[in-house]
Amino acid sequence: MFRIIQPNTYYVDMSGTPCKITRTTSDTVHYQRNGHNCIASMMRFQSDFEWVEAAELKQIWDDLETAAHLKKLRAMRAA
């Protein structure tokens, strides 16, 4: 299905990392991933990224937060 890529929407890449769309042109997509600004061609973006709904995005953020917290606890226990 065709979807218009608009600023301030979220997509996930092939590894499941959320990406925020900052702006688009007719042939490029500018997005932020892991705090870095990135640019992709429209064709590559459409093939490598997938739109996510708000509920699914919240679940991804929760999973990332849990993983970071567990990593911190394991580091504290090891020290």
N, C-alpha and C. Protein backbone atom coordinates (compact mmCIF):
# COMPACT_ATOMS: atom_id res chain seq x y z
N MET A 1 0.83 -1.17 0.00
CA MET A 1 0.00 0.00 0.00
C MET A 1 0.88 1.25 0.00
N PHE A 2 0.46 2.26 -0.68
CA PHE A 2 1.20 3.51 -0.79
C PHE A 2 0.94 4.39 0.42
N ARG A 3 1.96 4.99 0.98
CA ARG A 3 1.82 5.88 2.12
C ARG A 3 2.69 7.10 1.87
N ILE A 4 2.15 8.28 2.10
CA ILE A 4 2.90 9.52 1.96
C ILE A 4 3.80 9.66 3.17
N ILE A 5 5.07 9.90 2.93
CA ILE A 5 6.05 10.05 4.01
C ILE A 5 6.04 11.50 4.45
N GLN A 6 5.58 11.74 5.68
CA GLN A 6 5.43 13.09 6.19
C GLN A 6 6.36 13.33 7.37
N PRO A 7 6.78 14.59 7.58
CA PRO A 7 7.62 14.92 8.73
C PRO A 7 6.91 14.60 10.05
N ASN A 8 7.71 14.34 11.08
CA ASN A 8 7.24 14.02 12.43
C ASN A 8 6.46 12.73 12.50
N THR A 9 6.72 11.80 11.59
CA THR A 9 6.18 10.46 11.69
C THR A 9 7.34 9.51 11.95
N TYR A 10 7.03 8.33 12.40
CA TYR A 10 8.07 7.37 12.75
C TYR A 10 7.99 6.15 11.84
N TYR A 11 9.17 5.64 11.50
CA TYR A 11 9.32 4.41 10.74
C TYR A 11 10.37 3.58 11.47
N VAL A 12 10.44 2.31 11.18
CA VAL A 12 11.50 1.47 11.72
C VAL A 12 12.32 0.93 10.56
N ASP A 13 13.63 0.78 10.81
CA ASP A 13 14.49 0.21 9.77
C ASP A 13 14.49 -1.30 9.87
N MET A 14 15.30 -1.95 9.09
CA MET A 14 15.29 -3.42 9.04
C MET A 14 15.69 -4.05 10.37
N SER A 15 16.47 -3.34 11.20
CA SER A 15 16.87 -3.89 12.49
C SER A 15 15.87 -3.56 13.60
N GLY A 16 14.82 -2.80 13.28
CA GLY A 16 13.80 -2.47 14.27
C GLY A 16 14.05 -1.19 15.02
N THR A 17 15.03 -0.40 14.59
CA THR A 17 15.35 0.86 15.24
C THR A 17 14.38 1.94 14.77
N PRO A 18 13.74 2.66 15.71
CA PRO A 18 12.81 3.73 15.29
C PRO A 18 13.56 4.90 14.68
N CYS A 19 12.97 5.49 13.64
CA CYS A 19 13.54 6.64 12.95
C CYS A 19 12.46 7.70 12.80
N LYS A 20 12.79 8.93 13.15
CA LYS A 20 11.84 10.04 13.03
C LYS A 20 12.12 10.79 11.74
N ILE A 21 11.10 11.00 10.93
CA ILE A 21 11.24 11.73 9.69
C ILE A 21 11.31 13.22 10.02
N THR A 22 12.36 13.90 9.55
CA THR A 22 12.48 15.33 9.80
C THR A 22 11.98 16.15 8.62
N ARG A 23 12.30 15.70 7.39
CA ARG A 23 11.77 16.38 6.21
C ARG A 23 11.94 15.48 5.00
N THR A 24 11.20 15.79 3.96
CA THR A 24 11.29 15.03 2.72
C THR A 24 11.33 15.98 1.53
N THR A 25 11.93 15.53 0.46
CA THR A 25 11.88 16.22 -0.81
C THR A 25 11.34 15.22 -1.83
N SER A 26 11.34 15.59 -3.07
CA SER A 26 10.79 14.68 -4.08
C SER A 26 11.64 13.44 -4.28
N ASP A 27 12.93 13.50 -3.91
CA ASP A 27 13.79 12.34 -4.12
C ASP A 27 14.61 11.91 -2.90
N THR A 28 14.50 12.61 -1.76
CA THR A 28 15.24 12.23 -0.57
C THR A 28 14.36 12.28 0.68
N VAL A 29 14.78 11.52 1.68
CA VAL A 29 14.12 11.52 2.99
C VAL A 29 15.20 11.81 4.03
N HIS A 30 14.96 12.81 4.87
CA HIS A 30 15.87 13.16 5.95
C HIS A 30 15.24 12.63 7.24
N TYR A 31 16.02 11.89 8.01
CA TYR A 31 15.48 11.28 9.22
C TYR A 31 16.53 11.24 10.31
N GLN A 32 16.08 11.03 11.55
CA GLN A 32 16.96 10.89 12.70
C GLN A 32 16.87 9.47 13.22
N ARG A 33 18.05 8.86 13.41
CA ARG A 33 18.11 7.52 13.98
C ARG A 33 19.23 7.50 15.00
N ASN A 34 18.91 7.11 16.21
CA ASN A 34 19.88 7.05 17.31
C ASN A 34 20.58 8.39 17.52
N GLY A 35 19.85 9.49 17.35
CA GLY A 35 20.42 10.82 17.55
C GLY A 35 21.24 11.35 16.41
N HIS A 36 21.34 10.62 15.31
CA HIS A 36 22.12 11.05 14.15
C HIS A 36 21.17 11.43 13.01
N ASN A 37 21.52 12.49 12.29
CA ASN A 37 20.76 12.88 11.12
C ASN A 37 21.24 12.07 9.93
N CYS A 38 20.31 11.51 9.18
CA CYS A 38 20.64 10.66 8.04
C CYS A 38 19.80 11.08 6.83
N ILE A 39 20.28 10.72 5.65
CA ILE A 39 19.57 11.01 4.41
C ILE A 39 19.54 9.73 3.59
N ALA A 40 18.40 9.45 3.01
CA ALA A 40 18.26 8.27 2.13
C ALA A 40 17.47 8.68 0.89
N SER A 41 17.74 8.01 -0.20
CA SER A 41 16.93 8.26 -1.39
C SER A 41 15.53 7.71 -1.13
N MET A 42 14.58 8.24 -1.83
CA MET A 42 13.19 7.83 -1.64
C MET A 42 13.01 6.34 -1.93
N MET A 43 13.67 5.85 -2.97
CA MET A 43 13.54 4.43 -3.33
C MET A 43 14.14 3.53 -2.24
N ARG A 44 15.33 3.88 -1.74
CA ARG A 44 15.95 3.07 -0.69
C ARG A 44 15.13 3.13 0.59
N PHE A 45 14.61 4.31 0.92
CA PHE A 45 13.81 4.44 2.13
C PHE A 45 12.56 3.57 2.06
N GLN A 46 11.89 3.60 0.94
CA GLN A 46 10.66 2.82 0.81
C GLN A 46 10.92 1.31 0.86
N SER A 47 12.11 0.89 0.44
CA SER A 47 12.40 -0.55 0.47
C SER A 47 12.96 -1.01 1.82
N ASP A 48 13.66 -0.12 2.54
CA ASP A 48 14.34 -0.52 3.78
C ASP A 48 13.60 -0.15 5.06
N PHE A 49 12.58 0.69 4.99
CA PHE A 49 11.91 1.17 6.19
C PHE A 49 10.44 0.81 6.15
N GLU A 50 9.85 0.73 7.35
CA GLU A 50 8.45 0.33 7.47
C GLU A 50 7.75 1.27 8.45
N TRP A 51 6.57 1.73 8.09
CA TRP A 51 5.79 2.61 8.95
C TRP A 51 5.28 1.83 10.15
N VAL A 52 5.22 2.48 11.32
CA VAL A 52 4.70 1.84 12.53
C VAL A 52 3.57 2.68 13.11
N GLU A 53 2.62 1.99 13.70
CA GLU A 53 1.51 2.66 14.38
C GLU A 53 1.98 3.12 15.75
N ALA A 54 1.21 4.00 16.37
CA ALA A 54 1.59 4.58 17.66
C ALA A 54 1.73 3.51 18.75
N ALA A 55 0.83 2.54 18.80
CA ALA A 55 0.90 1.50 19.82
C ALA A 55 2.15 0.64 19.65
N GLU A 56 2.46 0.31 18.41
CA GLU A 56 3.66 -0.49 18.14
C GLU A 56 4.93 0.30 18.46
N LEU A 57 4.92 1.60 18.16
CA LEU A 57 6.07 2.45 18.47
C LEU A 57 6.28 2.53 19.98
N LYS A 58 5.20 2.65 20.74
CA LYS A 58 5.31 2.69 22.21
C LYS A 58 5.91 1.40 22.74
N GLN A 59 5.51 0.27 22.17
CA GLN A 59 6.06 -1.01 22.59
C GLN A 59 7.56 -1.10 22.29
N ILE A 60 7.97 -0.59 21.15
CA ILE A 60 9.40 -0.58 20.79
C ILE A 60 10.18 0.27 21.77
N TRP A 61 9.67 1.48 22.09
CA TRP A 61 10.35 2.36 23.04
C TRP A 61 10.45 1.68 24.41
N ASP A 62 9.38 1.03 24.85
CA ASP A 62 9.40 0.33 26.14
C ASP A 62 10.43 -0.80 26.15
N ASP A 63 10.51 -1.56 25.07
CA ASP A 63 11.49 -2.65 24.98
C ASP A 63 12.92 -2.12 25.01
N LEU A 64 13.18 -1.00 24.31
CA LEU A 64 14.52 -0.40 24.32
C LEU A 64 14.88 0.11 25.71
N GLU A 65 13.91 0.71 26.39
CA GLU A 65 14.14 1.21 27.74
C GLU A 65 14.43 0.06 28.71
N THR A 66 13.69 -1.02 28.60
CA THR A 66 13.91 -2.19 29.45
C THR A 66 15.29 -2.80 29.20
N ALA A 67 15.67 -2.90 27.95
CA ALA A 67 16.98 -3.46 27.62
C ALA A 67 18.11 -2.59 28.18
N ALA A 68 17.97 -1.29 28.08
CA ALA A 68 18.99 -0.38 28.62
C ALA A 68 19.06 -0.49 30.14
N HIS A 69 17.91 -0.63 30.78
CA HIS A 69 17.88 -0.75 32.24
C HIS A 69 18.53 -2.07 32.69
N LEU A 70 18.22 -3.16 32.00
CA LEU A 70 18.84 -4.44 32.34
C LEU A 70 20.35 -4.40 32.14
N LYS A 71 20.80 -3.75 31.10
CA LYS A 71 22.24 -3.62 30.85
C LYS A 71 22.92 -2.86 31.99
N LYS A 72 22.26 -1.80 32.46
CA LYS A 72 22.80 -1.01 33.55
C LYS A 72 22.85 -1.84 34.84
N LEU A 73 21.80 -2.60 35.13
CA LEU A 73 21.79 -3.43 36.33
C LEU A 73 22.87 -4.51 36.28
N ARG A 74 23.08 -5.12 35.12
CA ARG A 74 24.13 -6.14 35.00
C ARG A 74 25.51 -5.53 35.19
N ALA A 75 25.72 -4.32 34.71
CA ALA A 75 27.00 -3.65 34.89
C ALA A 75 27.23 -3.32 36.36
N MET A 76 26.17 -2.91 37.06
CA MET A 76 26.30 -2.61 38.48
C MET A 76 26.62 -3.88 39.29
N ARG A 77 25.99 -4.99 38.92
CA ARG A 77 26.23 -6.24 39.62
C ARG A 77 27.64 -6.76 39.37
N ALA A 78 28.16 -6.55 38.16
CA ALA A 78 29.49 -7.03 37.81
C ALA A 78 30.59 -6.21 38.49
N ALA A 79 30.28 -4.97 38.83
CA ALA A 79 31.30 -4.09 39.43
C ALA A 79 31.49 -4.33 40.91
